[in-house]
C-alpha cells in the first residue's frame, strides 16, 4: 500500500510555500503603506487622502507654504502671506503695502502718490493722508487720517464697520472689507452696488462715482459730494464745530446757529 505513494521533491514543496505566502500578502495589503484618511496628507492612492480639507486662500498675515496658498497680490515670505512693496506709480494693486514707499493704492486699483496728512489730520479721502494711513469719517461729519488694519486683520471678506478696520487700500462696503468699490460698472461708471445709499448712514465711503447725482443718499441732513471719484455724504455742519444744524426740516442736529462755531450745545 505504501508503495503507491510518491514522495514530493523538497524543491517543489519550497516553491509551493513561497507562492502561497505571496498570494496571501496581495489579498491582505500592507498596512505600513496606507495613507491618512482625514484629508490632511497622502498621495491619493488609497483612502480619501488625495486632497486636504481645503479652505480659503490666505490674506495678509496668514501662514503659507507657497504663494499659491495666498490671495492674489500676495507673496509667501518666511511662511507668511505678505504684500511686497515694489509697485511703482501706475502699478496695479489691491493693498497699499504693494506700493513703494510714498505711494498708496488708489482708485482704480493702482499705486499713486500719497498725501501729506499725518495721523488725525483732516482729509476728504485716503489720498490726502500719508501711506499707509486711511481717511475715516468721524461722528462729527468730518474725516481724519487714521491707521488701517494690520497683520491678518481686515483682509477681503472680513467684517468691518469703518474703512480703518480694513487693510490699507481696501474699502468697507456693506460691512465687509473689499478690494473693489460699488460693483465696478463695466462702462466706467457706478456698478450695481453703488449710487444710492441708506439715509440712516451719515457717510457712504468707498463707492465709485463720476457725478454728484450718483451719490444722492436721499437725506436733507447730508451734503452729497463726488470727490476724486468717490462718494462723500457728510452731515450738514456749516461752521465745522462738530454739531449738525437744527435748521433743516426734521432736524439733523442740535446746533441753532450753524454759521458761528462758538454757538453750539
C-alpha atoms as a PDB file:
ATOM      1  CA  UNK A   1       0.000   0.000   0.000  1.00  0.00           C
ATOM      2  CA  UNK A   2       2.776   2.400   0.863  1.00  0.00           C
ATOM      3  CA  UNK A   3       4.415   1.709  -2.465  1.00  0.00           C
ATOM      4  CA  UNK A   4       1.539   3.529  -4.260  1.00  0.00           C
ATOM      5  CA  UNK A   5       2.531   6.994  -2.813  1.00  0.00           C
ATOM      6  CA  UNK A   6       5.264   9.182  -4.219  1.00  0.00           C
ATOM      7  CA  UNK A   7       7.454  11.430  -2.091  1.00  0.00           C
ATOM      8  CA  UNK A   8       7.153  15.106  -3.144  1.00  0.00           C
ATOM      9  CA  UNK A   9      10.574  16.505  -4.003  1.00  0.00           C
ATOM     10  CA  UNK A  10      11.823  19.111  -1.456  1.00  0.00           C
ATOM     11  CA  UNK A  11      12.411  21.795  -4.175  1.00  0.00           C
ATOM     12  CA  UNK A  12       8.818  21.611  -5.452  1.00  0.00           C
ATOM     13  CA  UNK A  13       7.488  21.907  -1.893  1.00  0.00           C
ATOM     14  CA  UNK A  14       9.518  25.079  -1.245  1.00  0.00           C
ATOM     15  CA  UNK A  15       8.184  26.769  -4.405  1.00  0.00           C
ATOM     16  CA  UNK A  16       4.605  25.938  -3.412  1.00  0.00           C
ATOM     17  CA  UNK A  17       5.010  27.550   0.033  1.00  0.00           C
ATOM     18  CA  UNK A  18       6.535  30.689  -1.447  1.00  0.00           C
ATOM     19  CA  UNK A  19       3.691  31.151  -3.958  1.00  0.00           C
ATOM     20  CA  UNK A  20       1.076  30.683  -1.224  1.00  0.00           C
ATOM     21  CA  UNK A  21       2.699  33.328   1.011  1.00  0.00           C
ATOM     22  CA  UNK A  22       2.850  35.868  -1.852  1.00  0.00           C
ATOM     23  CA  UNK A  23      -0.845  35.439  -2.658  1.00  0.00           C
ATOM     24  CA  UNK A  24      -1.769  35.961   0.981  1.00  0.00           C
ATOM     25  CA  UNK A  25       0.112  39.269   1.151  1.00  0.00           C
ATOM     26  CA  UNK A  26      -1.552  40.557  -2.032  1.00  0.00           C
ATOM     27  CA  UNK A  27      -5.012  39.840  -0.655  1.00  0.00           C
ATOM     28  CA  UNK A  28      -4.443  41.492   2.741  1.00  0.00           C
ATOM     29  CA  UNK A  29      -2.411  44.539   1.687  1.00  0.00           C
ATOM     30  CA  UNK A  30       0.399  46.214   3.608  1.00  0.00           C
ATOM     31  CA  UNK A  31      -0.702  48.443   6.474  1.00  0.00           C
ATOM     32  CA  UNK A  32       2.677  50.158   6.558  1.00  0.00           C
ATOM     33  CA  UNK A  33       1.942  51.974   3.257  1.00  0.00           C
ATOM     34  CA  UNK A  34      -1.631  53.122   3.983  1.00  0.00           C
ATOM     35  CA  UNK A  35      -2.391  56.837   3.667  1.00  0.00           C
ATOM     36  CA  UNK A  36      -4.240  59.064   6.102  1.00  0.00           C
ATOM     37  CA  UNK A  37      -7.996  59.284   5.721  1.00  0.00           C
ATOM     38  CA  UNK A  38      -8.521  62.697   7.294  1.00  0.00           C
ATOM     39  CA  UNK A  39      -7.603  64.529   4.097  1.00  0.00           C
ATOM     40  CA  UNK A  40      -4.529  66.171   5.622  1.00  0.00           C
ATOM     41  CA  UNK A  41      -1.868  64.345   3.613  1.00  0.00           C
ATOM     42  CA  UNK A  42      -1.497  61.388   1.294  1.00  0.00           C
ATOM     43  CA  UNK A  43      -0.556  60.559  -2.273  1.00  0.00           C
ATOM     44  CA  UNK A  44      -4.099  59.921  -3.388  1.00  0.00           C
ATOM     45  CA  UNK A  45      -3.575  56.158  -3.921  1.00  0.00           C
ATOM     46  CA  UNK A  46      -5.846  54.967  -1.138  1.00  0.00           C
ATOM     47  CA  UNK A  47      -8.471  56.289   1.247  1.00  0.00           C
ATOM     48  CA  UNK A  48      -9.504  59.877   0.804  1.00  0.00           C
ATOM     49  CA  UNK A  49      -6.083  61.353   1.372  1.00  0.00           C
ATOM     50  CA  UNK A  50      -5.726  62.600  -2.156  1.00  0.00           C
ATOM     51  CA  UNK A  51      -6.560  66.153  -1.166  1.00  0.00           C
ATOM     52  CA  UNK A  52      -6.635  68.222   2.024  1.00  0.00           C
ATOM     53  CA  UNK A  53      -9.673  69.800   3.566  1.00  0.00           C
ATOM     54  CA  UNK A  54      -9.138  72.947   1.506  1.00  0.00           C
ATOM     55  CA  UNK A  55     -10.183  76.308   2.864  1.00  0.00           C
ATOM     56  CA  UNK A  56      -9.863  79.849   1.502  1.00  0.00           C
ATOM     57  CA  UNK A  57      -6.625  81.425   0.371  1.00  0.00           C
ATOM     58  CA  UNK A  58      -4.588  83.259   2.984  1.00  0.00           C
ATOM     59  CA  UNK A  59      -4.826  87.001   3.491  1.00  0.00           C
ATOM     60  CA  UNK A  60      -2.054  89.261   4.829  1.00  0.00           C
ATOM     61  CA  UNK A  61      -0.526  87.722   7.943  1.00  0.00           C
ATOM     62  CA  UNK A  62      -1.877  84.203   7.324  1.00  0.00           C
ATOM     63  CA  UNK A  63       0.517  81.259   7.190  1.00  0.00           C
ATOM     64  CA  UNK A  64       1.549  79.762   3.853  1.00  0.00           C
ATOM     65  CA  UNK A  65       3.931  77.324   2.197  1.00  0.00           C
ATOM     66  CA  UNK A  66       3.985  78.865  -1.280  1.00  0.00           C
ATOM     67  CA  UNK A  67       2.439  81.925  -2.931  1.00  0.00           C
ATOM     68  CA  UNK A  68      -0.313  79.630  -4.234  1.00  0.00           C
ATOM     69  CA  UNK A  69      -1.653  79.499  -0.648  1.00  0.00           C
ATOM     70  CA  UNK A  70      -2.169  83.289  -0.608  1.00  0.00           C
ATOM     71  CA  UNK A  71      -4.717  85.643  -2.121  1.00  0.00           C
ATOM     72  CA  UNK A  72      -3.961  87.376  -5.405  1.00  0.00           C
ATOM     73  CA  UNK A  73      -1.426  90.149  -4.955  1.00  0.00           C
ATOM     74  CA  UNK A  74       0.373  88.481  -2.033  1.00  0.00           C
ATOM     75  CA  UNK A  75       3.610  86.513  -1.846  1.00  0.00           C
ATOM     76  CA  UNK A  76       4.634  83.859   0.675  1.00  0.00           C
ATOM     77  CA  UNK A  77       7.517  85.377   2.649  1.00  0.00           C
ATOM     78  CA  UNK A  78       9.042  83.367   5.513  1.00  0.00           C
ATOM     79  CA  UNK A  79       5.867  81.313   5.778  1.00  0.00           C
ATOM     80  CA  UNK A  80       3.531  84.350   5.930  1.00  0.00           C
ATOM     81  CA  UNK A  81       1.288  85.806   3.199  1.00  0.00           C
ATOM     82  CA  UNK A  82       2.759  89.254   2.604  1.00  0.00           C
ATOM     83  CA  UNK A  83       2.141  92.195   0.275  1.00  0.00           C
ATOM     84  CA  UNK A  84       5.567  93.101  -1.105  1.00  0.00           C
ATOM     85  CA  UNK A  85       6.132  96.842  -1.556  1.00  0.00           C
ATOM     86  CA  UNK A  86       7.637  97.166  -5.039  1.00  0.00           C
ATOM     87  CA  UNK A  87       4.842  98.756  -7.084  1.00  0.00           C
ATOM     88  CA  UNK A  88       5.742 101.980  -8.869  1.00  0.00           C
ATOM     89  CA  UNK A  89       3.260 104.717  -9.840  1.00  0.00           C
ATOM     90  CA  UNK A  90       0.549 103.184 -12.007  1.00  0.00           C
ATOM     91  CA  UNK A  91       1.316  99.607 -10.985  1.00  0.00           C
ATOM     92  CA  UNK A  92      -1.803  97.501 -10.265  1.00  0.00           C
ATOM     93  CA  UNK A  93      -2.507  96.889  -6.584  1.00  0.00           C
ATOM     94  CA  UNK A  94      -5.018  95.656  -4.055  1.00  0.00           C
ATOM     95  CA  UNK A  95      -3.229  96.758  -0.894  1.00  0.00           C
ATOM     96  CA  UNK A  96      -1.218  99.921  -0.215  1.00  0.00           C
ATOM     97  CA  UNK A  97       1.531  97.635   1.082  1.00  0.00           C
ATOM     98  CA  UNK A  98       2.074  96.508  -2.520  1.00  0.00           C
ATOM     99  CA  UNK A  99       3.200 100.021  -3.479  1.00  0.00           C
ATOM    100  CA  UNK A 100       6.620 101.585  -2.979  1.00  0.00           C
ATOM    101  CA  UNK A 101       7.229 103.994  -0.114  1.00  0.00           C
ATOM    102  CA  UNK A 102       5.471 107.284  -0.719  1.00  0.00           C
ATOM    103  CA  UNK A 103       2.634 105.663  -2.703  1.00  0.00           C
ATOM    104  CA  UNK A 104      -0.771 104.271  -1.798  1.00  0.00           C
ATOM    105  CA  UNK A 105      -3.287 102.001  -3.555  1.00  0.00           C
ATOM    106  CA  UNK A 106      -5.823 104.364  -5.121  1.00  0.00           C
ATOM    107  CA  UNK A 107      -8.788 104.259  -7.485  1.00  0.00           C
ATOM    108  CA  UNK A 108      -8.861 102.432  -9.816  1.00  0.00           C
ATOM    109  CA  UNK A 109      -6.575  99.901  -8.096  1.00  0.00           C
ATOM    110  CA  UNK A 110      -3.198 101.418  -8.940  1.00  0.00           C
ATOM    111  CA  UNK A 111      -0.293 102.859  -6.942  1.00  0.00           C
ATOM    112  CA  UNK A 112      -0.432 106.668  -6.733  1.00  0.00           C
ATOM    113  CA  UNK A 113       1.399 109.378  -4.793  1.00  0.00           C
ATOM    114  CA  UNK A 114       0.464 109.598  -1.109  1.00  0.00           C
ATOM    115  CA  UNK A 115      -0.841 112.750   0.570  1.00  0.00           C
ATOM    116  CA  UNK A 116       0.732 114.793   3.339  1.00  0.00           C
ATOM    117  CA  UNK A 117      -1.839 114.253   6.099  1.00  0.00           C
ATOM    118  CA  UNK A 118      -0.389 112.844   9.308  1.00  0.00           C
ATOM    119  CA  UNK A 119      -2.323 110.954  11.984  1.00  0.00           C
ATOM    120  CA  UNK A 120      -5.655 112.689  12.781  1.00  0.00           C
ATOM    121  CA  UNK A 121      -5.190 115.319  10.045  1.00  0.00           C
ATOM    122  CA  UNK A 122      -8.379 116.370   8.207  1.00  0.00           C
ATOM    123  CA  UNK A 123      -8.971 114.611   4.895  1.00  0.00           C
ATOM    124  CA  UNK A 124     -11.515 114.001   2.159  1.00  0.00           C
ATOM    125  CA  UNK A 125     -10.151 110.616   1.073  1.00  0.00           C
ATOM    126  CA  UNK A 126      -7.132 108.388   1.732  1.00  0.00           C
ATOM    127  CA  UNK A 127      -5.179 110.170  -0.981  1.00  0.00           C
ATOM    128  CA  UNK A 128      -4.877 113.128   1.404  1.00  0.00           C
ATOM    129  CA  UNK A 129      -3.085 111.000   4.026  1.00  0.00           C
ATOM    130  CA  UNK A 130       0.440 109.679   4.322  1.00  0.00           C
ATOM    131  CA  UNK A 131       0.534 105.985   3.422  1.00  0.00           C
ATOM    132  CA  UNK A 132      -0.498 103.664   4.916  1.00  0.00           C
ATOM    133  CA  UNK A 133      -2.988 105.879   6.794  1.00  0.00           C
ATOM    134  CA  UNK A 134      -6.597 105.920   5.577  1.00  0.00           C
ATOM    135  CA  UNK A 135      -9.302 108.593   5.680  1.00  0.00           C
ATOM    136  CA  UNK A 136     -12.018 107.618   8.164  1.00  0.00           C
ATOM    137  CA  UNK A 137     -15.315 109.513   8.602  1.00  0.00           C
ATOM    138  CA  UNK A 138     -15.937 110.743  12.154  1.00  0.00           C
ATOM    139  CA  UNK A 139     -19.183 111.064  14.085  1.00  0.00           C
ATOM    140  CA  UNK A 140     -18.936 114.847  13.733  1.00  0.00           C
ATOM    141  CA  UNK A 141     -19.238 114.603   9.967  1.00  0.00           C
ATOM    142  CA  UNK A 142     -15.593 115.387   9.219  1.00  0.00           C
ATOM    143  CA  UNK A 143     -12.941 112.819   8.300  1.00  0.00           C
ATOM    144  CA  UNK A 144      -9.483 112.154   9.741  1.00  0.00           C
ATOM    145  CA  UNK A 145      -6.350 110.262   8.731  1.00  0.00           C
ATOM    146  CA  UNK A 146      -6.059 107.150  10.911  1.00  0.00           C
ATOM    147  CA  UNK A 147      -4.246 103.820  10.976  1.00  0.00           C
ATOM    148  CA  UNK A 148      -5.678 100.954   8.947  1.00  0.00           C
ATOM    149  CA  UNK A 149      -5.963  97.248   9.751  1.00  0.00           C
ATOM    150  CA  UNK A 150      -2.735  95.313  10.097  1.00  0.00           C
ATOM    151  CA  UNK A 151      -1.388  91.798  10.384  1.00  0.00           C
ATOM    152  CA  UNK A 152      -4.133  89.369   9.417  1.00  0.00           C
ATOM    153  CA  UNK A 153      -6.893  91.857  10.333  1.00  0.00           C
ATOM    154  CA  UNK A 154      -9.070  93.414   7.639  1.00  0.00           C
ATOM    155  CA  UNK A 155      -8.465  91.073   4.713  1.00  0.00           C
ATOM    156  CA  UNK A 156     -11.003  90.877   1.860  1.00  0.00           C
ATOM    157  CA  UNK A 157     -14.176  89.296   3.185  1.00  0.00           C
ATOM    158  CA  UNK A 158     -13.537  90.227   6.824  1.00  0.00           C
ATOM    159  CA  UNK A 159     -16.314  92.123   8.585  1.00  0.00           C
ATOM    160  CA  UNK A 160     -15.903  95.847   9.218  1.00  0.00           C
ATOM    161  CA  UNK A 161     -17.766  98.918  10.355  1.00  0.00           C
ATOM    162  CA  UNK A 162     -15.304 101.530   9.009  1.00  0.00           C
ATOM    163  CA  UNK A 163     -12.516 101.616   6.430  1.00  0.00           C
ATOM    164  CA  UNK A 164      -9.981 101.777   9.286  1.00  0.00           C
ATOM    165  CA  UNK A 165     -10.770  98.145  10.127  1.00  0.00           C
ATOM    166  CA  UNK A 166      -9.597  97.000   6.681  1.00  0.00           C
ATOM    167  CA  UNK A 167      -6.117  96.654   5.219  1.00  0.00           C
ATOM    168  CA  UNK A 168      -4.940  99.942   3.707  1.00  0.00           C
ATOM    169  CA  UNK A 169      -6.140 100.036   0.106  1.00  0.00           C
ATOM    170  CA  UNK A 170      -9.372  98.122   0.780  1.00  0.00           C
ATOM    171  CA  UNK A 171     -12.826  99.592   1.374  1.00  0.00           C
ATOM    172  CA  UNK A 172     -15.544  98.830   3.904  1.00  0.00           C
ATOM    173  CA  UNK A 173     -18.622  98.089   1.788  1.00  0.00           C
ATOM    174  CA  UNK A 174     -21.842  96.735   3.313  1.00  0.00           C
ATOM    175  CA  UNK A 175     -19.958  95.669   6.449  1.00  0.00           C
ATOM    176  CA  UNK A 176     -17.266  93.776   4.551  1.00  0.00           C
ATOM    177  CA  UNK A 177     -13.681  94.624   3.558  1.00  0.00           C
ATOM    178  CA  UNK A 178     -13.464  94.620  -0.223  1.00  0.00           C
ATOM    179  CA  UNK A 179     -10.885  95.391  -2.857  1.00  0.00           C
ATOM    180  CA  UNK A 180     -13.391  96.865  -5.287  1.00  0.00           C
ATOM    181  CA  UNK A 181     -15.964  99.612  -4.915  1.00  0.00           C
ATOM    182  CA  UNK A 182     -19.657  99.694  -5.594  1.00  0.00           C
ATOM    183  CA  UNK A 183     -19.838  96.825  -8.056  1.00  0.00           C
ATOM    184  CA  UNK A 184     -17.491  98.417 -10.614  1.00  0.00           C
ATOM    185  CA  UNK A 185     -19.641  99.090 -13.676  1.00  0.00           C
ATOM    186  CA  UNK A 186     -18.086  97.970 -16.945  1.00  0.00           C
ATOM    187  CA  UNK A 187     -18.834 101.328 -18.536  1.00  0.00           C
ATOM    188  CA  UNK A 188     -16.559 103.081 -16.093  1.00  0.00           C
ATOM    189  CA  UNK A 189     -19.440 104.467 -14.068  1.00  0.00           C
ATOM    190  CA  UNK A 190     -21.087 103.200 -10.919  1.00  0.00           C
ATOM    191  CA  UNK A 191     -21.755  99.483 -10.782  1.00  0.00           C
ATOM    192  CA  UNK A 192     -24.825  97.726  -9.482  1.00  0.00           C
ATOM    193  CA  UNK A 193     -23.674  98.166  -5.903  1.00  0.00           C
ATOM    194  CA  UNK A 194     -23.355 101.964  -5.790  1.00  0.00           C
ATOM    195  CA  UNK A 195     -25.042 105.269  -6.285  1.00  0.00           C
ATOM    196  CA  UNK A 196     -27.892 105.291  -3.762  1.00  0.00           C
ATOM    197  CA  UNK A 197     -27.281 104.984  -0.043  1.00  0.00           C
ATOM    198  CA  UNK A 198     -29.201 104.396   3.152  1.00  0.00           C
ATOM    199  CA  UNK A 199     -30.223 107.777   4.566  1.00  0.00           C
ATOM    200  CA  UNK A 200     -29.556 106.470   8.080  1.00  0.00           C
ATOM    201  CA  UNK A 201     -25.840 106.308   7.277  1.00  0.00           C
ATOM    202  CA  UNK A 202     -24.028 109.608   7.797  1.00  0.00           C
ATOM    203  CA  UNK A 203     -21.236 108.944   5.333  1.00  0.00           C
ATOM    204  CA  UNK A 204     -21.101 106.477   2.466  1.00  0.00           C
ATOM    205  CA  UNK A 205     -17.474 105.574   1.838  1.00  0.00           C
ATOM    206  CA  UNK A 206     -15.882 103.617  -0.974  1.00  0.00           C
ATOM    207  CA  UNK A 207     -18.449 103.883  -3.773  1.00  0.00           C
ATOM    208  CA  UNK A 208     -17.267 104.985  -7.203  1.00  0.00           C
ATOM    209  CA  UNK A 209     -18.893 107.959  -8.884  1.00  0.00           C
ATOM    210  CA  UNK A 210     -18.398 110.235 -11.850  1.00  0.00           C
ATOM    211  CA  UNK A 211     -21.121 112.765 -10.988  1.00  0.00           C
ATOM    212  CA  UNK A 212     -22.607 114.002  -7.729  1.00  0.00           C
ATOM    213  CA  UNK A 213     -26.108 112.789  -8.615  1.00  0.00           C
ATOM    214  CA  UNK A 214     -24.853 109.235  -8.212  1.00  0.00           C
ATOM    215  CA  UNK A 215     -24.119 109.992  -4.551  1.00  0.00           C
ATOM    216  CA  UNK A 216     -27.604 111.089  -3.518  1.00  0.00           C
ATOM    217  CA  UNK A 217     -28.410 109.404  -0.192  1.00  0.00           C
ATOM    218  CA  UNK A 218     -31.925 110.827  -0.044  1.00  0.00           C
ATOM    219  CA  UNK A 219     -31.236 112.741   3.164  1.00  0.00           C
ATOM    220  CA  UNK A 220     -31.608 116.516   3.676  1.00  0.00           C
ATOM    221  CA  UNK A 221     -29.175 116.217   6.564  1.00  0.00           C
ATOM    222  CA  UNK A 222     -26.138 115.483   4.428  1.00  0.00           C
ATOM    223  CA  UNK A 223     -24.109 117.254   1.774  1.00  0.00           C
ATOM    224  CA  UNK A 224     -23.597 114.926  -1.197  1.00  0.00           C
ATOM    225  CA  UNK A 225     -20.233 115.109  -2.956  1.00  0.00           C
ATOM    226  CA  UNK A 226     -18.264 113.177  -5.555  1.00  0.00           C
ATOM    227  CA  UNK A 227     -14.625 113.684  -4.509  1.00  0.00           C
ATOM    228  CA  UNK A 228     -11.862 112.073  -6.558  1.00  0.00           C
ATOM    229  CA  UNK A 229     -14.338 109.569  -7.991  1.00  0.00           C
ATOM    230  CA  UNK A 230     -15.583 108.578  -4.526  1.00  0.00           C
ATOM    231  CA  UNK A 231     -18.908 109.469  -2.911  1.00  0.00           C
ATOM    232  CA  UNK A 232     -18.985 111.534   0.282  1.00  0.00           C
ATOM    233  CA  UNK A 233     -22.194 112.198   2.205  1.00  0.00           C
ATOM    234  CA  UNK A 234     -21.346 114.496   5.113  1.00  0.00           C
ATOM    235  CA  UNK A 235     -23.658 115.765   7.843  1.00  0.00           C
ATOM    236  CA  UNK A 236     -24.550 119.447   7.476  1.00  0.00           C
ATOM    237  CA  UNK A 237     -22.136 121.385   9.702  1.00  0.00           C
ATOM    238  CA  UNK A 238     -21.550 124.792   8.141  1.00  0.00           C
ATOM    239  CA  UNK A 239     -19.241 126.142  10.858  1.00  0.00           C
ATOM    240  CA  UNK A 240     -17.470 122.779  11.400  1.00  0.00           C
ATOM    241  CA  UNK A 241     -17.889 122.907  15.152  1.00  0.00           C
ATOM    242  CA  UNK A 242     -18.867 119.238  15.307  1.00  0.00           C
ATOM    243  CA  UNK A 243     -22.609 119.851  15.605  1.00  0.00           C
ATOM    244  CA  UNK A 244     -25.107 119.497  12.776  1.00  0.00           C
ATOM    245  CA  UNK A 245     -27.706 122.166  12.137  1.00  0.00           C
ATOM    246  CA  UNK A 246     -31.265 122.155  13.518  1.00  0.00           C
ATOM    247  CA  UNK A 247     -32.494 124.440  10.747  1.00  0.00           C
ATOM    248  CA  UNK A 248     -33.312 121.686   8.278  1.00  0.00           C
ATOM    249  CA  UNK A 249     -36.818 120.201   8.224  1.00  0.00           C
ATOM    250  CA  UNK A 250     -36.956 117.212  10.541  1.00  0.00           C
ATOM    251  CA  UNK A 251     -33.884 118.351  12.470  1.00  0.00           C
ATOM    252  CA  UNK A 252     -30.420 116.957  11.842  1.00  0.00           C
ATOM    253  CA  UNK A 253     -28.627 118.075  14.962  1.00  0.00           C
ATOM    254  CA  UNK A 254     -28.626 120.488  17.899  1.00  0.00           C
ATOM    255  CA  UNK A 255     -26.747 123.499  16.503  1.00  0.00           C
ATOM    256  CA  UNK A 256     -29.110 126.510  16.397  1.00  0.00           C
ATOM    257  CA  UNK A 257     -26.541 128.716  14.657  1.00  0.00           C
ATOM    258  CA  UNK A 258     -24.581 126.777  12.083  1.00  0.00           C
ATOM    259  CA  UNK A 259     -22.690 129.872  10.958  1.00  0.00           C
ATOM    260  CA  UNK A 260     -20.955 130.547  14.280  1.00  0.00           C
ATOM    261  CA  UNK A 261     -18.580 127.854  15.637  1.00  0.00           C
ATOM    262  CA  UNK A 262     -18.784 129.345  19.141  1.00  0.00           C
ATOM    263  CA  UNK A 263     -22.526 128.722  19.276  1.00  0.00           C
ATOM    264  CA  UNK A 264     -23.401 125.087  19.836  1.00  0.00           C
ATOM    265  CA  UNK A 265     -24.948 122.920  22.583  1.00  0.00           C
END
